[in-house]
PDB file of N, CA and C in Angstrom:
ATOM      1  N   MET A   1     -20.734  19.033   1.161  1.00  0.00           N
ATOM      2  CA  MET A   1     -20.425  17.497   1.943  1.00  0.00           C
ATOM      3  C   MET A   1     -20.312  16.760   0.705  1.00  0.00           C
ATOM      4  N   ALA A   2     -19.052  15.843   0.381  1.00  0.00           N
ATOM      5  CA  ALA A   2     -19.331  14.756  -1.208  1.00  0.00           C
ATOM      6  C   ALA A   2     -19.484  13.638  -0.533  1.00  0.00           C
ATOM      7  N   ILE A   3     -19.902  12.544  -0.946  1.00  0.00           N
ATOM      8  CA  ILE A   3     -19.896  11.426  -1.143  1.00  0.00           C
ATOM      9  C   ILE A   3     -19.350  10.637  -1.896  1.00  0.00           C
ATOM     10  N   HIS A   4     -18.696  10.047  -1.588  1.00  0.00           N
ATOM     11  CA  HIS A   4     -17.809   9.358  -2.786  1.00  0.00           C
ATOM     12  C   HIS A   4     -18.591   7.804  -3.022  1.00  0.00           C
ATOM     13  N   LEU A   5     -18.769   7.308  -4.088  1.00  0.00           N
ATOM     14  CA  LEU A   5     -19.422   5.932  -4.236  1.00  0.00           C
ATOM     15  C   LEU A   5     -18.488   5.167  -4.484  1.00  0.00           C
ATOM     16  N   TYR A   6     -18.204   3.877  -4.413  1.00  0.00           N
ATOM     17  CA  TYR A   6     -17.486   2.694  -4.658  1.00  0.00           C
ATOM     18  C   TYR A   6     -17.604   2.194  -5.900  1.00  0.00           C
ATOM     19  N   LYS A   7     -16.824   1.722  -6.824  1.00  0.00           N
ATOM     20  CA  LYS A   7     -16.730   1.279  -8.361  1.00  0.00           C
ATOM     21  C   LYS A   7     -17.209  -0.309  -7.442  1.00  0.00           C
ATOM     22  N   THR A   8     -18.275  -0.908  -7.876  1.00  0.00           N
ATOM     23  CA  THR A   8     -17.969  -2.765  -7.713  1.00  0.00           C
ATOM     24  C   THR A   8     -17.430  -3.213  -8.567  1.00  0.00           C
ATOM     25  N   SER A   9     -16.677  -4.027  -7.464  1.00  0.00           N
ATOM     26  CA  SER A   9     -15.836  -5.063  -7.746  1.00  0.00           C
ATOM     27  C   SER A   9     -15.880  -6.130  -7.379  1.00  0.00           C
ATOM     28  N   THR A  10     -16.888  -6.090  -6.197  1.00  0.00           N
ATOM     29  CA  THR A  10     -17.491  -7.398  -5.272  1.00  0.00           C
ATOM     30  C   THR A  10     -18.667  -7.068  -5.179  1.00  0.00           C
ATOM     31  N   PRO A  11     -19.340  -8.143  -4.631  1.00  0.00           N
ATOM     32  CA  PRO A  11     -20.729  -7.698  -3.991  1.00  0.00           C
ATOM     33  C   PRO A  11     -21.139  -6.962  -2.576  1.00  0.00           C
ATOM     34  N   SER A  12     -19.874  -7.289  -2.214  1.00  0.00           N
ATOM     35  CA  SER A  12     -19.582  -6.749  -0.610  1.00  0.00           C
ATOM     36  C   SER A  12     -19.633  -4.716  -0.944  1.00  0.00           C
ATOM     37  N   THR A  13     -19.248  -4.403  -1.919  1.00  0.00           N
ATOM     38  CA  THR A  13     -18.915  -2.800  -2.397  1.00  0.00           C
ATOM     39  C   THR A  13     -19.865  -2.621  -3.179  1.00  0.00           C
ATOM     40  N   ARG A  14     -21.211  -3.499  -3.353  1.00  0.00           N
ATOM     41  CA  ARG A  14     -22.090  -2.905  -4.422  1.00  0.00           C
ATOM     42  C   ARG A  14     -22.648  -1.588  -4.363  1.00  0.00           C
ATOM     43  N   ASN A  15     -23.106  -1.663  -2.699  1.00  0.00           N
ATOM     44  CA  ASN A  15     -23.720  -0.556  -2.089  1.00  0.00           C
ATOM     45  C   ASN A  15     -23.121   0.502  -1.381  1.00  0.00           C
ATOM     46  N   GLY A  16     -21.831   0.503  -1.286  1.00  0.00           N
ATOM     47  CA  GLY A  16     -21.015   0.988   0.073  1.00  0.00           C
ATOM     48  C   GLY A  16     -20.671   2.762  -0.572  1.00  0.00           C
ATOM     49  N   ALA A  17     -20.785   3.512   0.386  1.00  0.00           N
ATOM     50  CA  ALA A  17     -20.402   5.199   0.254  1.00  0.00           C
ATOM     51  C   ALA A  17     -19.745   5.408   0.936  1.00  0.00           C
ATOM     52  N   VAL A  18     -19.079   6.410   1.018  1.00  0.00           N
ATOM     53  CA  VAL A  18     -17.926   6.953   2.114  1.00  0.00           C
ATOM     54  C   VAL A  18     -18.181   9.005   1.896  1.00  0.00           C
ATOM     55  N   ASP A  19     -18.429   9.221   3.272  1.00  0.00           N
ATOM     56  CA  ASP A  19     -18.845  10.316   3.293  1.00  0.00           C
ATOM     57  C   ASP A  19     -17.207  10.811   3.595  1.00  0.00           C
ATOM     58  N   SER A  20     -16.713  11.910   2.468  1.00  0.00           N
ATOM     59  CA  SER A  20     -15.718  12.258   3.048  1.00  0.00           C
ATOM     60  C   SER A  20     -15.310  13.975   3.989  1.00  0.00           C
ATOM     61  N   GLN A  21     -16.269  14.155   5.027  1.00  0.00           N
ATOM     62  CA  GLN A  21     -16.801  15.287   5.924  1.00  0.00           C
ATOM     63  C   GLN A  21     -16.341  14.631   6.673  1.00  0.00           C
ATOM     64  N   VAL A  22     -16.176  13.287   7.226  1.00  0.00           N
ATOM     65  CA  VAL A  22     -15.658  12.507   8.457  1.00  0.00           C
ATOM     66  C   VAL A  22     -14.171  13.489   8.813  1.00  0.00           C
ATOM     67  N   LYS A  23     -13.210  13.505   9.982  1.00  0.00           N
ATOM     68  CA  LYS A  23     -12.365  13.926  10.237  1.00  0.00           C
ATOM     69  C   LYS A  23     -11.733  12.348  11.012  1.00  0.00           C
ATOM     70  N   SER A  24     -10.607  12.182  10.617  1.00  0.00           N
ATOM     71  CA  SER A  24     -10.098  10.855  11.525  1.00  0.00           C
ATOM     72  C   SER A  24      -9.258  11.507  12.677  1.00  0.00           C
ATOM     73  N   ASN A  25      -9.111  12.758  12.071  1.00  0.00           N
ATOM     74  CA  ASN A  25      -8.027  12.914  13.884  1.00  0.00           C
ATOM     75  C   ASN A  25      -8.812  14.150  14.914  1.00  0.00           C
ATOM     76  N   PRO A  26      -9.238  13.426  16.453  1.00  0.00           N
ATOM     77  CA  PRO A  26      -9.934  13.915  16.850  1.00  0.00           C
ATOM     78  C   PRO A  26      -9.266  15.048  17.685  1.00  0.00           C
ATOM     79  N   ARG A  27      -9.362  16.402  18.392  1.00  0.00           N
ATOM     80  CA  ARG A  27      -8.431  17.108  19.010  1.00  0.00           C
ATOM     81  C   ARG A  27      -8.390  16.340  19.875  1.00  0.00           C
ATOM     82  N   ASN A  28      -6.950  17.015  20.734  1.00  0.00           N
ATOM     83  CA  ASN A  28      -6.475  16.058  21.725  1.00  0.00           C
ATOM     84  C   ASN A  28      -6.905  16.426  22.848  1.00  0.00           C
ATOM     85  N   ASN A  29      -7.387  17.891  22.862  1.00  0.00           N
ATOM     86  CA  ASN A  29      -7.747  17.897  24.678  1.00  0.00           C
ATOM     87  C   ASN A  29      -8.749  17.321  24.875  1.00  0.00           C
ATOM     88  N   LEU A  30      -9.606  16.423  23.809  1.00  0.00           N
ATOM     89  CA  LEU A  30     -10.925  16.199  24.041  1.00  0.00           C
ATOM     90  C   LEU A  30     -10.917  14.579  23.968  1.00  0.00           C
ATOM     91  N   ILE A  31      -9.598  13.828  24.006  1.00  0.00           N
ATOM     92  CA  ILE A  31      -9.550  12.818  24.459  1.00  0.00           C
ATOM     93  C   ILE A  31      -8.509  12.671  25.573  1.00  0.00           C
ATOM     94  N   TYR A  32      -8.948  11.256  25.847  1.00  0.00           N
ATOM     95  CA  TYR A  32      -8.360  11.356  26.980  1.00  0.00           C
ATOM     96  C   TYR A  32      -8.099   9.504  27.541  1.00  0.00           C
ATOM     97  N   GLY A  33      -7.252   9.519  28.086  1.00  0.00           N
ATOM     98  CA  GLY A  33      -7.649   7.678  28.837  1.00  0.00           C
ATOM     99  C   GLY A  33      -6.766   6.517  27.595  1.00  0.00           C
ATOM    100  N   GLN A  34      -6.425   5.866  28.416  1.00  0.00           N
ATOM    101  CA  GLN A  34      -5.612   5.013  27.960  1.00  0.00           C
ATOM    102  C   GLN A  34      -6.754   3.088  27.749  1.00  0.00           C
ATOM    103  N   HIS A  35      -5.804   2.611  26.596  1.00  0.00           N
ATOM    104  CA  HIS A  35      -6.716   1.095  26.460  1.00  0.00           C
ATOM    105  C   HIS A  35      -6.437   0.520  27.546  1.00  0.00           C
ATOM    106  N   HIS A  36      -7.567  -0.671  27.550  1.00  0.00           N
ATOM    107  CA  HIS A  36      -7.519  -1.479  28.429  1.00  0.00           C
ATOM    108  C   HIS A  36      -6.577  -2.997  28.212  1.00  0.00           C
ATOM    109  N   CYS A  37      -5.402  -2.527  28.442  1.00  0.00           N
ATOM    110  CA  CYS A  37      -4.267  -3.218  27.799  1.00  0.00           C
ATOM    111  C   CYS A  37      -4.635  -5.070  28.380  1.00  0.00           C
ATOM    112  N   SER A  38      -5.161  -5.393  29.378  1.00  0.00           N
ATOM    113  CA  SER A  38      -4.607  -6.596  29.785  1.00  0.00           C
ATOM    114  C   SER A  38      -5.663  -7.756  29.192  1.00  0.00           C
ATOM    115  N   LYS A  39      -6.705  -7.505  28.460  1.00  0.00           N
ATOM    116  CA  LYS A  39      -7.193  -8.402  27.664  1.00  0.00           C
ATOM    117  C   LYS A  39      -7.091 -10.027  28.247  1.00  0.00           C
ATOM    118  N   GLY A  40      -8.009  -9.760  29.287  1.00  0.00           N
ATOM    119  CA  GLY A  40      -7.751 -11.161  29.881  1.00  0.00           C
ATOM    120  C   GLY A  40      -6.604 -11.750  30.129  1.00  0.00           C
ATOM    121  N   ARG A  41      -5.712 -11.050  30.891  1.00  0.00           N
ATOM    122  CA  ARG A  41      -4.015 -11.524  31.271  1.00  0.00           C
ATOM    123  C   ARG A  41      -4.209 -10.974  32.817  1.00  0.00           C
ATOM    124  N   ASN A  42      -3.804 -12.038  33.732  1.00  0.00           N
ATOM    125  CA  ASN A  42      -3.284 -11.858  35.376  1.00  0.00           C
ATOM    126  C   ASN A  42      -2.387 -10.507  35.019  1.00  0.00           C
ATOM    127  N   ALA A  43      -1.799 -10.468  36.833  1.00  0.00           N
ATOM    128  CA  ALA A  43      -0.702  -9.802  36.920  1.00  0.00           C
ATOM    129  C   ALA A  43       0.528 -10.076  36.407  1.00  0.00           C
ATOM    130  N   ARG A  44       0.621 -11.554  35.796  1.00  0.00           N
ATOM    131  CA  ARG A  44       2.302 -11.811  35.275  1.00  0.00           C
ATOM    132  C   ARG A  44       2.066 -12.021  33.788  1.00  0.00           C
ATOM    133  N   GLY A  45       1.037 -11.150  33.188  1.00  0.00           N
ATOM    134  CA  GLY A  45       1.075 -11.121  31.884  1.00  0.00           C
ATOM    135  C   GLY A  45       0.349 -12.919  31.175  1.00  0.00           C
ATOM    136  N   ILE A  46      -0.152 -14.010  31.978  1.00  0.00           N
ATOM    137  CA  ILE A  46      -0.274 -14.854  31.322  1.00  0.00           C
ATOM    138  C   ILE A  46      -2.166 -14.915  30.580  1.00  0.00           C
ATOM    139  N   ILE A  47      -2.437 -15.166  29.836  1.00  0.00           N
ATOM    140  CA  ILE A  47      -3.820 -15.455  29.367  1.00  0.00           C
ATOM    141  C   ILE A  47      -4.360 -16.186  30.168  1.00  0.00           C
ATOM    142  N   THR A  48      -5.722 -15.663  30.897  1.00  0.00           N
ATOM    143  CA  THR A  48      -6.753 -16.175  32.017  1.00  0.00           C
ATOM    144  C   THR A  48      -7.844 -16.424  31.159  1.00  0.00           C
ATOM    145  N   ALA A  49      -8.488 -15.713  30.504  1.00  0.00           N
ATOM    146  CA  ALA A  49      -9.759 -16.071  29.818  1.00  0.00           C
ATOM    147  C   ALA A  49      -9.607 -16.400  28.322  1.00  0.00           C
ATOM    148  N   GLY A  50     -10.176 -17.532  28.171  1.00  0.00           N
ATOM    149  CA  GLY A  50     -10.320 -17.484  26.554  1.00  0.00           C
ATOM    150  C   GLY A  50     -10.732 -16.469  25.847  1.00  0.00           C
ATOM    151  N   HIS A  51     -10.273 -16.388  24.431  1.00  0.00           N
ATOM    152  CA  HIS A  51     -10.881 -15.543  23.103  1.00  0.00           C
ATOM    153  C   HIS A  51     -10.746 -14.309  23.420  1.00  0.00           C
ATOM    154  N   ARG A  52      -9.547 -13.968  24.633  1.00  0.00           N
ATOM    155  CA  ARG A  52      -9.643 -12.620  24.636  1.00  0.00           C
ATOM    156  C   ARG A  52      -8.485 -11.934  24.246  1.00  0.00           C
ATOM    157  N   GLY A  53      -7.677 -10.899  23.527  1.00  0.00           N
ATOM    158  CA  GLY A  53      -6.698 -10.754  22.880  1.00  0.00           C
ATOM    159  C   GLY A  53      -7.050  -9.919  21.806  1.00  0.00           C
ATOM    160  N   GLY A  54      -5.940  -9.036  21.581  1.00  0.00           N
ATOM    161  CA  GLY A  54      -5.451  -8.503  19.894  1.00  0.00           C
ATOM    162  C   GLY A  54      -6.538  -6.949  20.259  1.00  0.00           C
ATOM    163  N   GLY A  55      -7.166  -6.503  19.260  1.00  0.00           N
ATOM    164  CA  GLY A  55      -8.056  -5.307  19.335  1.00  0.00           C
ATOM    165  C   GLY A  55      -7.035  -3.692  18.933  1.00  0.00           C
ATOM    166  N   HIS A  56      -7.746  -2.999  18.788  1.00  0.00           N
ATOM    167  CA  HIS A  56      -7.020  -1.653  18.659  1.00  0.00           C
ATOM    168  C   HIS A  56      -7.078  -0.640  19.402  1.00  0.00           C
ATOM    169  N   LYS A  57      -6.212   0.004  19.812  1.00  0.00           N
ATOM    170  CA  LYS A  57      -6.224   0.974  20.867  1.00  0.00           C
ATOM    171  C   LYS A  57      -7.216   2.323  20.774  1.00  0.00           C
ATOM    172  N   ARG A  58      -8.344   2.054  21.816  1.00  0.00           N
ATOM    173  CA  ARG A  58      -9.133   3.369  21.491  1.00  0.00           C
ATOM    174  C   ARG A  58      -8.844   4.156  22.538  1.00  0.00           C
ATOM    175  N   LEU A  59      -9.299   5.379  22.208  1.00  0.00           N
ATOM    176  CA  LEU A  59      -9.384   6.850  23.485  1.00  0.00           C
ATOM    177  C   LEU A  59     -10.559   6.978  23.666  1.00  0.00           C
ATOM    178  N   TYR A  60     -10.810   7.383  24.617  1.00  0.00           N
ATOM    179  CA  TYR A  60     -12.133   8.133  25.401  1.00  0.00           C
ATOM    180  C   TYR A  60     -12.348   9.646  25.005  1.00  0.00           C
ATOM    181  N   ARG A  61     -13.854   9.597  23.938  1.00  0.00           N
ATOM    182  CA  ARG A  61     -13.543  11.495  23.795  1.00  0.00           C
ATOM    183  C   ARG A  61     -14.788  11.845  24.871  1.00  0.00           C
ATOM    184  N   LYS A  62     -13.864  13.387  25.146  1.00  0.00           N
ATOM    185  CA  LYS A  62     -14.822  13.449  26.584  1.00  0.00           C
ATOM    186  C   LYS A  62     -16.574  14.655  25.841  1.00  0.00           C
ATOM    187  N   ILE A  63     -17.247  13.822  26.432  1.00  0.00           N
ATOM    188  CA  ILE A  63     -18.802  14.465  25.255  1.00  0.00           C
ATOM    189  C   ILE A  63     -19.689  15.399  26.419  1.00  0.00           C
ATOM    190  N   ASP A  64     -19.929  16.414  26.147  1.00  0.00           N
ATOM    191  CA  ASP A  64     -20.916  17.014  27.156  1.00  0.00           C
ATOM    192  C   ASP A  64     -22.553  16.624  26.779  1.00  0.00           C
ATOM    193  N   PHE A  65     -23.067  15.849  27.809  1.00  0.00           N
ATOM    194  CA  PHE A  65     -24.284  14.852  27.484  1.00  0.00           C
ATOM    195  C   PHE A  65     -25.195  16.459  28.599  1.00  0.00           C
ATOM    196  N   ARG A  66     -24.862  17.165  28.986  1.00  0.00           N
ATOM    197  CA  ARG A  66     -25.598  17.945  29.540  1.00  0.00           C
ATOM    198  C   ARG A  66     -25.355  19.657  29.019  1.00  0.00           C
ATOM    199  N   ARG A  67     -26.189  19.406  27.534  1.00  0.00           N
ATOM    200  CA  ARG A  67     -26.443  20.617  26.758  1.00  0.00           C
ATOM    201  C   ARG A  67     -27.993  21.235  27.323  1.00  0.00           C
ATOM    202  N   ASN A  68     -28.631  21.306  28.381  1.00  0.00           N
ATOM    203  CA  ASN A  68     -29.941  21.835  28.990  1.00  0.00           C
ATOM    204  C   ASN A  68     -30.037  23.226  28.303  1.00  0.00           C
ATOM    205  N   GLU A  69     -29.240  23.982  28.067  1.00  0.00           N
ATOM    206  CA  GLU A  69     -29.546  25.091  27.552  1.00  0.00           C
ATOM    207  C   GLU A  69     -30.375  25.529  26.436  1.00  0.00           C
ATOM    208  N   LYS A  70     -31.672  25.940  25.918  1.00  0.00           N
ATOM    209  CA  LYS A  70     -32.259  25.982  24.991  1.00  0.00           C
ATOM    210  C   LYS A  70     -31.996  27.622  23.592  1.00  0.00           C
ATOM    211  N   ASP A  71     -32.218  27.911  23.124  1.00  0.00           N
ATOM    212  CA  ASP A  71     -32.052  28.614  22.422  1.00  0.00           C
ATOM    213  C   ASP A  71     -30.338  29.381  21.925  1.00  0.00           C
ATOM    214  N   ILE A  72     -29.428  28.121  22.139  1.00  0.00           N
ATOM    215  CA  ILE A  72     -28.398  28.957  22.134  1.00  0.00           C
ATOM    216  C   ILE A  72     -27.737  27.945  20.822  1.00  0.00           C
ATOM    217  N   TYR A  73     -26.961  29.123  19.984  1.00  0.00           N
ATOM    218  CA  TYR A  73     -27.095  29.101  18.603  1.00  0.00           C
ATOM    219  C   TYR A  73     -25.247  28.477  18.453  1.00  0.00           C
ATOM    220  N   GLY A  74     -24.788  27.209  17.857  1.00  0.00           N
ATOM    221  CA  GLY A  74     -23.415  26.899  17.719  1.00  0.00           C
ATOM    222  C   GLY A  74     -23.071  26.555  16.326  1.00  0.00           C
ATOM    223  N   ARG A  75     -22.230  25.823  16.086  1.00  0.00           N
ATOM    224  CA  ARG A  75     -21.593  26.283  14.490  1.00  0.00           C
ATOM    225  C   ARG A  75     -20.869  24.655  15.151  1.00  0.00           C
ATOM    226  N   ILE A  76     -20.804  23.735  13.959  1.00  0.00           N
ATOM    227  CA  ILE A  76     -20.612  22.574  13.652  1.00  0.00           C
ATOM    228  C   ILE A  76     -19.218  22.932  13.112  1.00  0.00           C
ATOM    229  N   VAL A  77     -18.381  22.305  13.813  1.00  0.00           N
ATOM    230  CA  VAL A  77     -16.475  21.947  13.562  1.00  0.00           C
ATOM    231  C   VAL A  77     -16.388  21.001  12.906  1.00  0.00           C
ATOM    232  N   THR A  78     -16.065  20.108  13.491  1.00  0.00           N
ATOM    233  CA  THR A  78     -15.919  18.821  12.730  1.00  0.00           C
ATOM    234  C   THR A  78     -17.094  17.365  12.386  1.00  0.00           C
ATOM    235  N   ILE A  79     -17.166  16.674  12.431  1.00  0.00           N
ATOM    236  CA  ILE A  79     -17.638  15.895  12.801  1.00  0.00           C
ATOM    237  C   ILE A  79     -16.244  14.441  12.520  1.00  0.00           C
ATOM    238  N   GLU A  80     -16.546  13.642  14.180  1.00  0.00           N
ATOM    239  CA  GLU A  80     -15.535  12.956  14.258  1.00  0.00           C
ATOM    240  C   GLU A  80     -16.289  11.532  14.297  1.00  0.00           C
ATOM    241  N   TYR A  81     -15.235  10.332  14.033  1.00  0.00           N
ATOM    242  CA  TYR A  81     -15.239   9.065  13.984  1.00  0.00           C
ATOM    243  C   TYR A  81     -15.277   8.458  15.637  1.00  0.00           C
ATOM    244  N   ASP A  82     -15.796   8.073  16.328  1.00  0.00           N
ATOM    245  CA  ASP A  82     -15.775   7.291  17.767  1.00  0.00           C
ATOM    246  C   ASP A  82     -15.270   5.712  18.104  1.00  0.00           C
ATOM    247  N   PRO A  83     -14.552   5.493  18.534  1.00  0.00           N
ATOM    248  CA  PRO A  83     -14.613   4.206  18.322  1.00  0.00           C
ATOM    249  C   PRO A  83     -15.487   3.351  19.495  1.00  0.00           C
ATOM    250  N   ASN A  84     -15.570   4.103  20.708  1.00  0.00           N
ATOM    251  CA  ASN A  84     -16.428   3.144  21.381  1.00  0.00           C
ATOM    252  C   ASN A  84     -17.590   3.719  21.510  1.00  0.00           C
ATOM    253  N   ARG A  85     -18.417   4.339  20.049  1.00  0.00           N
ATOM    254  CA  ARG A  85     -19.628   4.243  19.836  1.00  0.00           C
ATOM    255  C   ARG A  85     -20.471   3.718  18.514  1.00  0.00           C
ATOM    256  N   ASN A  86     -21.595   3.662  18.296  1.00  0.00           N
ATOM    257  CA  ASN A  86     -21.910   3.193  17.273  1.00  0.00           C
ATOM    258  C   ASN A  86     -22.252   4.483  16.188  1.00  0.00           C
ATOM    259  N   ALA A  87     -21.984   5.505  16.820  1.00  0.00           N
ATOM    260  CA  ALA A  87     -22.184   6.548  15.860  1.00  0.00           C
ATOM    261  C   ALA A  87     -20.869   7.666  15.956  1.00  0.00           C
ATOM    262  N   TYR A  88     -21.343   8.420  14.929  1.00  0.00           N
ATOM    263  CA  TYR A  88     -20.240   9.416  15.031  1.00  0.00           C
ATOM    264  C   TYR A  88     -20.699  10.646  15.459  1.00  0.00           C
ATOM    265  N   ILE A  89     -19.505  11.440  16.572  1.00  0.00           N
ATOM    266  CA  ILE A  89     -19.721  12.518  17.391  1.00  0.00           C
ATOM    267  C   ILE A  89     -19.561  13.918  16.331  1.00  0.00           C
ATOM    268  N   CYS A  90     -19.572  15.521  17.316  1.00  0.00           N
ATOM    269  CA  CYS A  90     -19.589  16.150  16.358  1.00  0.00           C
ATOM    270  C   CYS A  90     -19.438  17.036  17.391  1.00  0.00           C
ATOM    271  N   LEU A  91     -18.075  18.059  17.259  1.00  0.00           N
ATOM    272  CA  LEU A  91     -17.558  18.903  17.667  1.00  0.00           C
ATOM    273  C   LEU A  91     -18.564  20.630  17.364  1.00  0.00           C
ATOM    274  N   ILE A  92     -18.760  21.094  18.079  1.00  0.00           N
ATOM    275  CA  ILE A  92     -19.624  22.119  18.414  1.00  0.00           C
ATOM    276  C   ILE A  92     -19.068  23.217  19.165  1.00  0.00           C
ATOM    277  N   HIS A  93     -19.430  24.337  18.032  1.00  0.00           N
ATOM    278  CA  HIS A  93     -18.515  25.519  18.736  1.00  0.00           C
ATOM    279  C   HIS A  93     -19.520  26.504  19.163  1.00  0.00           C
ATOM    280  N   TYR A  94     -20.583  26.611  20.230  1.00  0.00           N
ATOM    281  CA  TYR A  94     -21.368  27.102  20.249  1.00  0.00           C
ATOM    282  C   TYR A  94     -20.865  28.756  20.876  1.00  0.00           C
ATOM    283  N   GLY A  95     -21.719  29.612  20.401  1.00  0.00           N
ATOM    284  CA  GLY A  95     -22.182  31.128  20.607  1.00  0.00           C
ATOM    285  C   GLY A  95     -21.428  31.463  19.330  1.00  0.00           C
ATOM    286  N   VAL A  96     -20.910  30.768  18.350  1.00  0.00           N
ATOM    287  CA  VAL A  96     -20.461  31.705  17.142  1.00  0.00           C
ATOM    288  C   VAL A  96     -21.894  31.468  16.110  1.00  0.00           C
ATOM    289  N   TRP A  97     -22.093  31.874  15.468  1.00  0.00           N
ATOM    290  CA  TRP A  97     -23.168  32.089  14.681  1.00  0.00           C
ATOM    291  C   TRP A  97     -22.489  32.764  13.165  1.00  0.00           C
TER     292      TRP A  97
END
């Protein structure tokens, strides 16, 4: 896993690092849903709530939270960015060792 360090040109990039192991393209069968396109608008498309709007399209990732089996080996395939969480998620293939 390679970690690339920034060359400091401003104080904000002084201690920055980028992990190149993280993949940016998720698996298409593990994403679903559409972004919430109303953004504070009513049925006519007029903004009714202040300070709502813009943003980037975010799709949801299917996550298996019920991993209650023990002693099952798995292999981490990808580490992906999840726009709906503050953490990265990983894709694991179980039964492969």
